[in-house]
Amino acid sequence: MRQVYLGGSVGQFVSSALWLTSAGVGTWGLRTQAMLVLIVGGAFIFPLSVLVLRALGRPGFVSRANPLNALAMQVAFTVPLAIPLILAATRGHPEWFYAGFLIVVGAHYLPFVTLYGQPAFFAPAAVMVSAGFLLPPLRPQDFTLGGWVGGVVLLLLGAWLATLHSSESARLARKPHSP
């Protein structure tokens, strides 16, 4: 998983672009449109990530024999299954929209530690979940701050994962091959 998906970095860059676009729409447009960008756009994170990987000359998928494929599929459905709950909370408190997504997506990243064999996912998961809990009481009228926070956290995560992957690839390339 880590090798094919470049440490998960590409997916984080795609996710970051989605969150930042949604936050921008919420800041300079309408809340409903911002919500639709994040909800509908979320369905395209994996396909767009595959397109970016292929544009980079990489395979877009791991082998079907990879035992982590089942975990990847299970993890992928955690966010869409939580959307009705986020929308229910948002109905009474629209400013909770991004906070709800921060909590759900942050929790969604915990299995990525196993999926990618990468403990680097713990930190952004903790930051996102914490921000999701803290922003509503600290900034109760701010609709988009959580979207900006999520987008920046994901951008930083993508850069961190790309750096880790590059270092790991360089280390493996220097390692002598056994006969």
N, C-alpha and C. Protein backbone atom coordinates (compact mmCIF):
# COMPACT_ATOMS: atom_id res chain seq x y z
N MET A 1 0.83 -1.19 0.00
CA MET A 1 0.00 0.00 0.00
C MET A 1 0.88 1.26 0.00
N ARG A 2 1.84 1.25 0.91
CA ARG A 2 2.67 2.44 1.05
C ARG A 2 3.45 2.71 -0.24
N GLN A 3 3.95 1.66 -0.88
CA GLN A 3 4.77 1.83 -2.09
C GLN A 3 3.91 2.31 -3.27
N VAL A 4 2.78 1.66 -3.51
CA VAL A 4 1.93 2.00 -4.66
C VAL A 4 1.34 3.40 -4.52
N TYR A 5 0.88 3.75 -3.33
CA TYR A 5 0.19 5.02 -3.13
C TYR A 5 1.12 6.14 -2.63
N LEU A 6 2.44 5.95 -2.85
CA LEU A 6 3.44 6.95 -2.48
C LEU A 6 3.27 7.40 -1.02
N GLY A 7 3.13 6.40 -0.16
CA GLY A 7 3.00 6.66 1.26
C GLY A 7 1.66 7.25 1.65
N GLY A 8 0.72 7.30 0.73
CA GLY A 8 -0.57 7.93 1.00
C GLY A 8 -0.57 9.42 0.71
N SER A 9 0.55 9.94 0.24
CA SER A 9 0.67 11.39 0.05
C SER A 9 -0.28 11.93 -1.02
N VAL A 10 -0.42 11.22 -2.12
CA VAL A 10 -1.26 11.72 -3.22
C VAL A 10 -2.71 11.89 -2.75
N GLY A 11 -3.22 10.92 -2.04
CA GLY A 11 -4.59 11.02 -1.52
C GLY A 11 -4.76 12.21 -0.58
N GLN A 12 -3.71 12.52 0.17
CA GLN A 12 -3.80 13.65 1.10
C GLN A 12 -3.80 14.97 0.34
N PHE A 13 -3.00 15.05 -0.72
CA PHE A 13 -3.01 16.27 -1.53
C PHE A 13 -4.37 16.47 -2.21
N VAL A 14 -4.95 15.39 -2.72
CA VAL A 14 -6.28 15.48 -3.34
C VAL A 14 -7.31 15.88 -2.29
N SER A 15 -7.26 15.25 -1.13
CA SER A 15 -8.20 15.58 -0.04
C SER A 15 -8.04 17.03 0.40
N SER A 16 -6.80 17.47 0.50
CA SER A 16 -6.54 18.85 0.91
C SER A 16 -7.15 19.83 -0.09
N ALA A 17 -6.95 19.56 -1.38
CA ALA A 17 -7.52 20.44 -2.41
C ALA A 17 -9.03 20.51 -2.28
N LEU A 18 -9.65 19.38 -1.99
CA LEU A 18 -11.11 19.33 -1.82
C LEU A 18 -11.54 20.15 -0.61
N TRP A 19 -10.89 19.95 0.53
CA TRP A 19 -11.24 20.68 1.74
C TRP A 19 -11.04 22.19 1.54
N LEU A 20 -9.91 22.57 0.94
CA LEU A 20 -9.64 23.99 0.74
C LEU A 20 -10.62 24.62 -0.24
N THR A 21 -11.00 23.87 -1.27
CA THR A 21 -12.00 24.36 -2.22
C THR A 21 -13.34 24.56 -1.51
N SER A 22 -13.73 23.57 -0.73
CA SER A 22 -14.99 23.66 0.02
C SER A 22 -14.96 24.84 0.99
N ALA A 23 -13.87 25.00 1.71
CA ALA A 23 -13.76 26.12 2.66
C ALA A 23 -13.81 27.46 1.92
N GLY A 24 -13.18 27.52 0.75
CA GLY A 24 -13.22 28.74 -0.05
C GLY A 24 -14.64 29.05 -0.51
N VAL A 25 -15.35 28.02 -0.95
CA VAL A 25 -16.74 28.22 -1.37
C VAL A 25 -17.57 28.69 -0.18
N GLY A 26 -17.31 28.11 1.00
CA GLY A 26 -18.05 28.53 2.20
C GLY A 26 -17.72 29.94 2.64
N THR A 27 -16.49 30.35 2.42
CA THR A 27 -16.06 31.70 2.81
C THR A 27 -16.59 32.76 1.86
N TRP A 28 -16.53 32.47 0.55
CA TRP A 28 -16.89 33.48 -0.45
C TRP A 28 -18.17 33.15 -1.21
N GLY A 29 -18.82 32.06 -0.84
CA GLY A 29 -20.05 31.66 -1.53
C GLY A 29 -21.12 31.30 -0.53
N LEU A 30 -21.77 30.21 -0.78
CA LEU A 30 -22.88 29.77 0.06
C LEU A 30 -22.52 28.53 0.86
N ARG A 31 -23.06 28.44 2.06
CA ARG A 31 -22.81 27.27 2.91
C ARG A 31 -23.24 25.98 2.24
N THR A 32 -24.42 25.99 1.65
CA THR A 32 -24.94 24.77 1.03
C THR A 32 -24.01 24.29 -0.07
N GLN A 33 -23.51 25.21 -0.87
CA GLN A 33 -22.57 24.83 -1.94
C GLN A 33 -21.28 24.27 -1.35
N ALA A 34 -20.79 24.87 -0.28
CA ALA A 34 -19.56 24.40 0.37
C ALA A 34 -19.75 22.99 0.89
N MET A 35 -20.91 22.73 1.47
CA MET A 35 -21.20 21.40 1.99
C MET A 35 -21.24 20.37 0.86
N LEU A 36 -21.89 20.75 -0.24
CA LEU A 36 -21.97 19.84 -1.39
C LEU A 36 -20.60 19.56 -1.98
N VAL A 37 -19.73 20.57 -2.01
CA VAL A 37 -18.38 20.36 -2.54
C VAL A 37 -17.67 19.28 -1.73
N LEU A 38 -17.75 19.37 -0.40
CA LEU A 38 -17.04 18.40 0.43
C LEU A 38 -17.71 17.02 0.38
N ILE A 39 -19.02 16.98 0.42
CA ILE A 39 -19.72 15.69 0.42
C ILE A 39 -19.60 14.98 -0.93
N VAL A 40 -19.96 15.67 -1.99
CA VAL A 40 -19.93 15.05 -3.32
C VAL A 40 -18.48 14.85 -3.77
N GLY A 41 -17.65 15.85 -3.53
CA GLY A 41 -16.25 15.73 -3.91
C GLY A 41 -15.54 14.59 -3.21
N GLY A 42 -15.95 14.30 -1.98
CA GLY A 42 -15.35 13.21 -1.23
C GLY A 42 -15.46 11.87 -1.93
N ALA A 43 -16.50 11.69 -2.71
CA ALA A 43 -16.69 10.45 -3.46
C ALA A 43 -15.64 10.29 -4.55
N PHE A 44 -14.98 11.39 -4.91
CA PHE A 44 -14.02 11.35 -6.00
C PHE A 44 -12.56 11.37 -5.54
N ILE A 45 -12.33 11.33 -4.23
CA ILE A 45 -10.95 11.39 -3.73
C ILE A 45 -10.13 10.22 -4.26
N PHE A 46 -10.63 9.00 -4.12
CA PHE A 46 -9.85 7.85 -4.59
C PHE A 46 -9.68 7.86 -6.10
N PRO A 47 -10.75 8.03 -6.89
CA PRO A 47 -10.54 8.05 -8.34
C PRO A 47 -9.58 9.15 -8.80
N LEU A 48 -9.66 10.34 -8.19
CA LEU A 48 -8.74 11.41 -8.56
C LEU A 48 -7.31 11.08 -8.14
N SER A 49 -7.17 10.44 -7.00
CA SER A 49 -5.84 10.02 -6.55
C SER A 49 -5.23 9.02 -7.54
N VAL A 50 -6.05 8.09 -8.02
CA VAL A 50 -5.58 7.12 -9.00
C VAL A 50 -5.16 7.83 -10.29
N LEU A 51 -5.96 8.82 -10.72
CA LEU A 51 -5.60 9.58 -11.92
C LEU A 51 -4.26 10.30 -11.76
N VAL A 52 -4.06 10.90 -10.60
CA VAL A 52 -2.79 11.59 -10.34
C VAL A 52 -1.63 10.58 -10.35
N LEU A 53 -1.83 9.45 -9.69
CA LEU A 53 -0.78 8.43 -9.68
C LEU A 53 -0.44 7.97 -11.10
N ARG A 54 -1.46 7.75 -11.90
CA ARG A 54 -1.21 7.31 -13.28
C ARG A 54 -0.54 8.41 -14.09
N ALA A 55 -0.90 9.66 -13.84
CA ALA A 55 -0.25 10.78 -14.53
C ALA A 55 1.23 10.85 -14.16
N LEU A 56 1.54 10.38 -12.96
CA LEU A 56 2.93 10.34 -12.50
C LEU A 56 3.65 9.08 -12.98
N GLY A 57 2.95 8.26 -13.77
CA GLY A 57 3.54 7.04 -14.29
C GLY A 57 3.57 5.89 -13.29
N ARG A 58 2.71 5.97 -12.31
CA ARG A 58 2.64 4.96 -11.25
C ARG A 58 1.44 4.05 -11.47
N PRO A 59 1.48 2.85 -10.92
CA PRO A 59 0.27 2.03 -10.95
C PRO A 59 -0.77 2.68 -10.04
N GLY A 60 -2.02 2.52 -10.37
CA GLY A 60 -3.07 3.15 -9.57
C GLY A 60 -3.65 2.25 -8.50
N PHE A 61 -3.29 0.97 -8.54
CA PHE A 61 -3.91 0.01 -7.61
C PHE A 61 -2.87 -0.98 -7.10
N VAL A 62 -3.11 -1.48 -5.91
CA VAL A 62 -2.27 -2.57 -5.39
C VAL A 62 -2.79 -3.89 -5.93
N SER A 63 -2.00 -4.92 -5.80
CA SER A 63 -2.38 -6.25 -6.26
C SER A 63 -3.65 -6.72 -5.55
N ARG A 64 -4.49 -7.42 -6.28
CA ARG A 64 -5.71 -7.98 -5.67
C ARG A 64 -5.38 -8.96 -4.55
N ALA A 65 -4.20 -9.53 -4.59
CA ALA A 65 -3.78 -10.49 -3.58
C ALA A 65 -3.37 -9.82 -2.27
N ASN A 66 -3.23 -8.51 -2.26
CA ASN A 66 -2.81 -7.80 -1.06
C ASN A 66 -3.87 -7.97 0.03
N PRO A 67 -3.49 -8.53 1.18
CA PRO A 67 -4.48 -8.76 2.25
C PRO A 67 -5.04 -7.48 2.85
N LEU A 68 -4.42 -6.34 2.59
CA LEU A 68 -4.92 -5.08 3.14
C LEU A 68 -6.02 -4.46 2.29
N ASN A 69 -6.32 -5.04 1.13
CA ASN A 69 -7.39 -4.51 0.30
C ASN A 69 -8.72 -4.48 1.03
N ALA A 70 -9.01 -5.52 1.80
CA ALA A 70 -10.28 -5.56 2.55
C ALA A 70 -10.34 -4.43 3.57
N LEU A 71 -9.23 -4.20 4.27
CA LEU A 71 -9.19 -3.10 5.25
C LEU A 71 -9.38 -1.76 4.55
N ALA A 72 -8.73 -1.59 3.39
CA ALA A 72 -8.87 -0.34 2.65
C ALA A 72 -10.33 -0.08 2.28
N MET A 73 -11.02 -1.10 1.84
CA MET A 73 -12.43 -0.95 1.46
C MET A 73 -13.29 -0.62 2.69
N GLN A 74 -13.02 -1.28 3.80
CA GLN A 74 -13.78 -1.02 5.02
C GLN A 74 -13.56 0.41 5.52
N VAL A 75 -12.32 0.84 5.49
CA VAL A 75 -11.98 2.20 5.94
C VAL A 75 -12.62 3.23 5.01
N ALA A 76 -12.64 2.93 3.72
CA ALA A 76 -13.20 3.87 2.74
C ALA A 76 -14.67 4.19 3.01
N PHE A 77 -15.41 3.24 3.56
CA PHE A 77 -16.83 3.46 3.78
C PHE A 77 -17.17 4.10 5.11
N THR A 78 -16.19 4.31 5.98
CA THR A 78 -16.52 4.91 7.28
C THR A 78 -17.01 6.35 7.15
N VAL A 79 -16.40 7.13 6.28
CA VAL A 79 -16.80 8.53 6.15
C VAL A 79 -18.19 8.66 5.54
N PRO A 80 -18.47 8.03 4.38
CA PRO A 80 -19.82 8.18 3.82
C PRO A 80 -20.92 7.70 4.76
N LEU A 81 -20.64 6.67 5.54
CA LEU A 81 -21.66 6.16 6.46
C LEU A 81 -21.93 7.13 7.61
N ALA A 82 -20.99 8.02 7.89
CA ALA A 82 -21.17 9.00 8.97
C ALA A 82 -21.79 10.31 8.48
N ILE A 83 -21.89 10.50 7.18
CA ILE A 83 -22.43 11.76 6.65
C ILE A 83 -23.84 12.05 7.16
N PRO A 84 -24.77 11.08 7.22
CA PRO A 84 -26.09 11.41 7.77
C PRO A 84 -26.03 11.96 9.20
N LEU A 85 -25.13 11.44 10.00
CA LEU A 85 -24.98 11.93 11.37
C LEU A 85 -24.46 13.37 11.37
N ILE A 86 -23.47 13.65 10.53
CA ILE A 86 -22.93 15.02 10.43
C ILE A 86 -24.02 15.98 9.97
N LEU A 87 -24.79 15.56 8.97
CA LEU A 87 -25.86 16.43 8.47
C LEU A 87 -26.96 16.64 9.51
N ALA A 88 -27.25 15.62 10.31
CA ALA A 88 -28.24 15.77 11.37
C ALA A 88 -27.76 16.80 12.40
N ALA A 89 -26.50 16.73 12.78
CA ALA A 89 -25.94 17.70 13.73
C ALA A 89 -25.92 19.10 13.12
N THR A 90 -25.64 19.15 11.82
CA THR A 90 -25.54 20.43 11.12
C THR A 90 -26.90 21.09 10.95
N ARG A 91 -27.95 20.30 10.94
CA ARG A 91 -29.30 20.86 10.76
C ARG A 91 -29.60 21.92 11.82
N GLY A 92 -29.25 21.63 13.06
CA GLY A 92 -29.48 22.60 14.13
C GLY A 92 -28.33 23.57 14.32
N HIS A 93 -27.15 23.17 13.89
CA HIS A 93 -25.94 23.99 14.06
C HIS A 93 -25.10 23.91 12.80
N PRO A 94 -25.39 24.73 11.79
CA PRO A 94 -24.65 24.65 10.53
C PRO A 94 -23.14 24.84 10.71
N GLU A 95 -22.76 25.57 11.74
CA GLU A 95 -21.34 25.81 11.98
C GLU A 95 -20.62 24.54 12.46
N TRP A 96 -21.33 23.49 12.75
CA TRP A 96 -20.73 22.22 13.17
C TRP A 96 -20.36 21.33 11.98
N PHE A 97 -20.67 21.75 10.77
CA PHE A 97 -20.43 20.92 9.59
C PHE A 97 -18.98 20.46 9.48
N TYR A 98 -18.06 21.39 9.42
CA TYR A 98 -16.66 21.02 9.27
C TYR A 98 -16.13 20.34 10.53
N ALA A 99 -16.60 20.77 11.70
CA ALA A 99 -16.18 20.12 12.94
C ALA A 99 -16.55 18.64 12.92
N GLY A 100 -17.76 18.34 12.45
CA GLY A 100 -18.18 16.95 12.34
C GLY A 100 -17.29 16.17 11.39
N PHE A 101 -16.98 16.77 10.26
CA PHE A 101 -16.10 16.11 9.29
C PHE A 101 -14.68 15.95 9.84
N LEU A 102 -14.21 16.93 10.58
CA LEU A 102 -12.87 16.81 11.19
C LEU A 102 -12.82 15.59 12.11
N ILE A 103 -13.84 15.42 12.93
CA ILE A 103 -13.87 14.29 13.86
C ILE A 103 -13.95 12.97 13.09
N VAL A 104 -14.85 12.88 12.13
CA VAL A 104 -15.03 11.63 11.39
C VAL A 104 -13.80 11.30 10.54
N VAL A 105 -13.29 12.27 9.81
CA VAL A 105 -12.13 12.01 8.96
C VAL A 105 -10.89 11.75 9.82
N GLY A 106 -10.74 12.48 10.92
CA GLY A 106 -9.62 12.22 11.82
C GLY A 106 -9.66 10.80 12.37
N ALA A 107 -10.82 10.37 12.81
CA ALA A 107 -10.96 8.98 13.30
C ALA A 107 -10.72 7.99 12.17
N HIS A 108 -11.15 8.35 10.97
CA HIS A 108 -10.98 7.52 9.78
C HIS A 108 -9.49 7.29 9.48
N TYR A 109 -8.63 8.21 9.89
CA TYR A 109 -7.20 8.06 9.64
C TYR A 109 -6.50 7.10 10.59
N LEU A 110 -7.10 6.76 11.70
CA LEU A 110 -6.44 5.85 12.65
C LEU A 110 -6.11 4.49 12.01
N PRO A 111 -7.02 3.85 11.26
CA PRO A 111 -6.64 2.58 10.62
C PRO A 111 -5.59 2.74 9.52
N PHE A 112 -5.35 3.97 9.06
CA PHE A 112 -4.32 4.19 8.05
C PHE A 112 -2.93 3.85 8.61
N VAL A 113 -2.78 3.91 9.94
CA VAL A 113 -1.52 3.53 10.57
C VAL A 113 -1.20 2.09 10.19
N THR A 114 -2.20 1.21 10.24
CA THR A 114 -2.03 -0.20 9.87
C THR A 114 -2.03 -0.36 8.36
N LEU A 115 -2.95 0.31 7.70
CA LEU A 115 -3.10 0.17 6.25
C LEU A 115 -1.81 0.51 5.51
N TYR A 116 -1.17 1.58 5.92
CA TYR A 116 0.08 2.02 5.28
C TYR A 116 1.31 1.62 6.08
N GLY A 117 1.12 1.03 7.26
CA GLY A 117 2.26 0.72 8.10
C GLY A 117 3.01 2.00 8.45
N GLN A 118 2.23 3.06 8.70
CA GLN A 118 2.82 4.39 8.84
C GLN A 118 2.26 5.11 10.07
N PRO A 119 3.01 5.12 11.18
CA PRO A 119 2.55 5.82 12.38
C PRO A 119 2.35 7.32 12.18
N ALA A 120 2.83 7.86 11.08
CA ALA A 120 2.67 9.30 10.81
C ALA A 120 1.21 9.72 10.78
N PHE A 121 0.30 8.78 10.59
CA PHE A 121 -1.13 9.13 10.55
C PHE A 121 -1.72 9.43 11.93
N PHE A 122 -1.03 9.03 13.00
CA PHE A 122 -1.56 9.31 14.34
C PHE A 122 -1.68 10.80 14.61
N ALA A 123 -0.65 11.57 14.29
CA ALA A 123 -0.63 13.00 14.61
C ALA A 123 -1.76 13.76 13.92
N PRO A 124 -1.92 13.64 12.59
CA PRO A 124 -3.02 14.39 11.98
C PRO A 124 -4.40 13.90 12.44
N ALA A 125 -4.50 12.62 12.75
CA ALA A 125 -5.78 12.12 13.28
C ALA A 125 -6.10 12.83 14.59
N ALA A 126 -5.10 12.94 15.47
CA ALA A 126 -5.31 13.61 16.76
C ALA A 126 -5.62 15.09 16.58
N VAL A 127 -4.91 15.74 15.66
CA VAL A 127 -5.14 17.17 15.42
C VAL A 127 -6.56 17.39 14.87
N MET A 128 -6.96 16.57 13.91
CA MET A 128 -8.28 16.76 13.31
C MET A 128 -9.40 16.49 14.31
N VAL A 129 -9.30 15.40 15.05
CA VAL A 129 -10.34 15.09 16.03
C VAL A 129 -10.38 16.19 17.11
N SER A 130 -9.23 16.59 17.59
CA SER A 130 -9.19 17.65 18.61
C SER A 130 -9.79 18.95 18.08
N ALA A 131 -9.43 19.33 16.87
CA ALA A 131 -9.99 20.55 16.28
C ALA A 131 -11.50 20.43 16.13
N GLY A 132 -11.96 19.25 15.75
CA GLY A 132 -13.40 19.05 15.60
C GLY A 132 -14.15 19.24 16.90
N PHE A 133 -13.54 18.84 18.00
CA PHE A 133 -14.18 19.02 19.31
C PHE A 133 -14.02 20.44 19.85
N LEU A 134 -12.89 21.06 19.55
CA LEU A 134 -12.60 22.37 20.14
C LEU A 134 -13.19 23.57 19.39
N LEU A 135 -13.28 23.47 18.08
CA LEU A 135 -13.72 24.64 17.32
C LEU A 135 -15.15 25.10 17.65
N PRO A 136 -16.13 24.20 17.75
CA PRO A 136 -17.49 24.71 18.05
C PRO A 136 -17.60 25.53 19.34
N PRO A 137 -17.01 25.08 20.46
CA PRO A 137 -17.13 25.95 21.64
C PRO A 137 -16.23 27.18 21.60
N LEU A 138 -15.08 27.07 20.92
CA LEU A 138 -14.16 28.21 20.88
C LEU A 138 -14.53 29.25 19.83
N ARG A 139 -15.09 28.79 18.71
CA ARG A 139 -15.48 29.69 17.61
C ARG A 139 -16.89 29.32 17.16
N PRO A 140 -17.89 29.49 18.02
CA PRO A 140 -19.23 28.97 17.75
C PRO A 140 -19.93 29.51 16.50
N GLN A 141 -19.57 30.68 16.03
CA GLN A 141 -20.25 31.24 14.86
C GLN A 141 -19.45 31.09 13.57
N ASP A 142 -18.29 30.47 13.65
CA ASP A 142 -17.40 30.37 12.49
C ASP A 142 -17.69 29.10 11.71
N PHE A 143 -18.30 29.25 10.54
CA PHE A 143 -18.66 28.10 9.72
C PHE A 143 -17.46 27.46 9.05
N THR A 144 -16.56 28.25 8.47
CA THR A 144 -15.53 27.68 7.60
C THR A 144 -14.17 27.43 8.25
N LEU A 145 -13.93 27.89 9.44
CA LEU A 145 -12.61 27.71 10.03
C LEU A 145 -12.20 26.23 10.05
N GLY A 146 -13.10 25.35 10.38
CA GLY A 146 -12.80 23.92 10.38
C GLY A 146 -12.41 23.39 9.01
N GLY A 147 -13.02 23.95 7.97
CA GLY A 147 -12.66 23.55 6.61
C GLY A 147 -11.24 23.97 6.26
N TRP A 148 -10.88 25.18 6.67
CA TRP A 148 -9.51 25.66 6.42
C TRP A 148 -8.51 24.84 7.23
N VAL A 149 -8.85 24.56 8.48
CA VAL A 149 -7.97 23.74 9.33
C VAL A 149 -7.77 22.36 8.71
N GLY A 150 -8.88 21.72 8.32
CA GLY A 150 -8.78 20.40 7.70
C GLY A 150 -7.94 20.42 6.44
N GLY A 151 -8.14 21.41 5.60
CA GLY A 151 -7.37 21.51 4.35
C GLY A 151 -5.89 21.69 4.59
N VAL A 152 -5.54 22.53 5.56
CA VAL A 152 -4.12 22.77 5.86
C VAL A 152 -3.50 21.53 6.51
N VAL A 153 -4.20 20.90 7.44
CA VAL A 153 -3.67 19.67 8.06
C VAL A 153 -3.41 18.62 7.00
N LEU A 154 -4.34 18.44 6.07
CA LEU A 154 -4.16 17.44 5.01
C LEU A 154 -3.04 17.81 4.06
N LEU A 155 -2.88 19.08 3.78
CA LEU A 155 -1.77 19.54 2.92
C LEU A 155 -0.43 19.23 3.60
N LEU A 156 -0.33 19.57 4.87
CA LEU A 156 0.90 19.29 5.62
C LEU A 156 1.15 17.78 5.72
N LEU A 157 0.08 17.02 5.93
CA LEU A 157 0.21 15.56 5.98
C LEU A 157 0.71 15.03 4.65
N GLY A 158 0.16 15.52 3.55
CA GLY A 158 0.62 15.08 2.22
C GLY A 158 2.10 15.36 2.02
N ALA A 159 2.54 16.55 2.43
CA ALA A 159 3.96 16.90 2.29
C ALA A 159 4.82 16.01 3.18
N TRP A 160 4.36 15.76 4.40
CA TRP A 160 5.12 14.92 5.34
C TRP A 160 5.22 13.50 4.80
N LEU A 161 4.10 12.96 4.33
CA LEU A 161 4.11 11.59 3.78
C LEU A 161 4.96 11.49 2.52
N ALA A 162 4.93 12.51 1.68
CA ALA A 162 5.76 12.50 0.47
C ALA A 162 7.24 12.50 0.85
N THR A 163 7.58 13.28 1.86
CA THR A 163 8.97 13.32 2.33
C THR A 163 9.38 11.97 2.90
N LEU A 164 8.53 11.39 3.74
CA LEU A 164 8.82 10.07 4.31
C LEU A 164 8.98 9.03 3.21
N HIS A 165 8.08 9.07 2.22
CA HIS A 165 8.14 8.09 1.13
C HIS A 165 9.41 8.26 0.32
N SER A 166 9.77 9.50 0.04
CA SER A 166 10.99 9.77 -0.73
C SER A 166 12.22 9.27 0.03
N SER A 167 12.28 9.52 1.32
CA SER A 167 13.40 9.04 2.13
C SER A 167 13.46 7.53 2.15
N GLU A 168 12.31 6.90 2.31
CA GLU A 168 12.25 5.44 2.34
C GLU A 168 12.68 4.86 0.98
N SER A 169 12.22 5.45 -0.10
CA SER A 169 12.58 4.98 -1.44
C SER A 169 14.08 5.13 -1.68
N ALA A 170 14.65 6.25 -1.26
CA ALA A 170 16.09 6.48 -1.42
C ALA A 170 16.88 5.47 -0.59
N ARG A 171 16.41 5.20 0.61
CA ARG A 171 17.08 4.23 1.49
C ARG A 171 17.04 2.84 0.88
N LEU A 172 15.90 2.47 0.33
CA LEU A 172 15.77 1.15 -0.32
C LEU A 172 16.63 1.05 -1.58
N ALA A 173 16.75 2.15 -2.30
CA ALA A 173 17.56 2.14 -3.52
C ALA A 173 19.04 1.98 -3.20
N ARG A 174 19.49 2.50 -2.05
CA ARG A 174 20.89 2.39 -1.64
C ARG A 174 21.22 1.02 -1.04
N LYS A 175 20.20 0.33 -0.56
CA LYS A 175 20.39 -0.94 0.10
C LYS A 175 20.92 -1.96 -0.90
N PRO A 176 21.98 -2.69 -0.53
CA PRO A 176 22.49 -3.70 -1.48
C PRO A 176 21.48 -4.83 -1.66
N HIS A 177 21.36 -5.26 -2.91
CA HIS A 177 20.45 -6.36 -3.22
C HIS A 177 21.11 -7.69 -2.95
N SER A 178 20.37 -8.61 -2.41
CA SER A 178 20.94 -9.94 -2.17
C SER A 178 20.86 -10.74 -3.46
N PRO A 179 21.84 -11.63 -3.66
CA PRO A 179 21.88 -12.40 -4.92
C PRO A 179 20.76 -13.38 -5.06
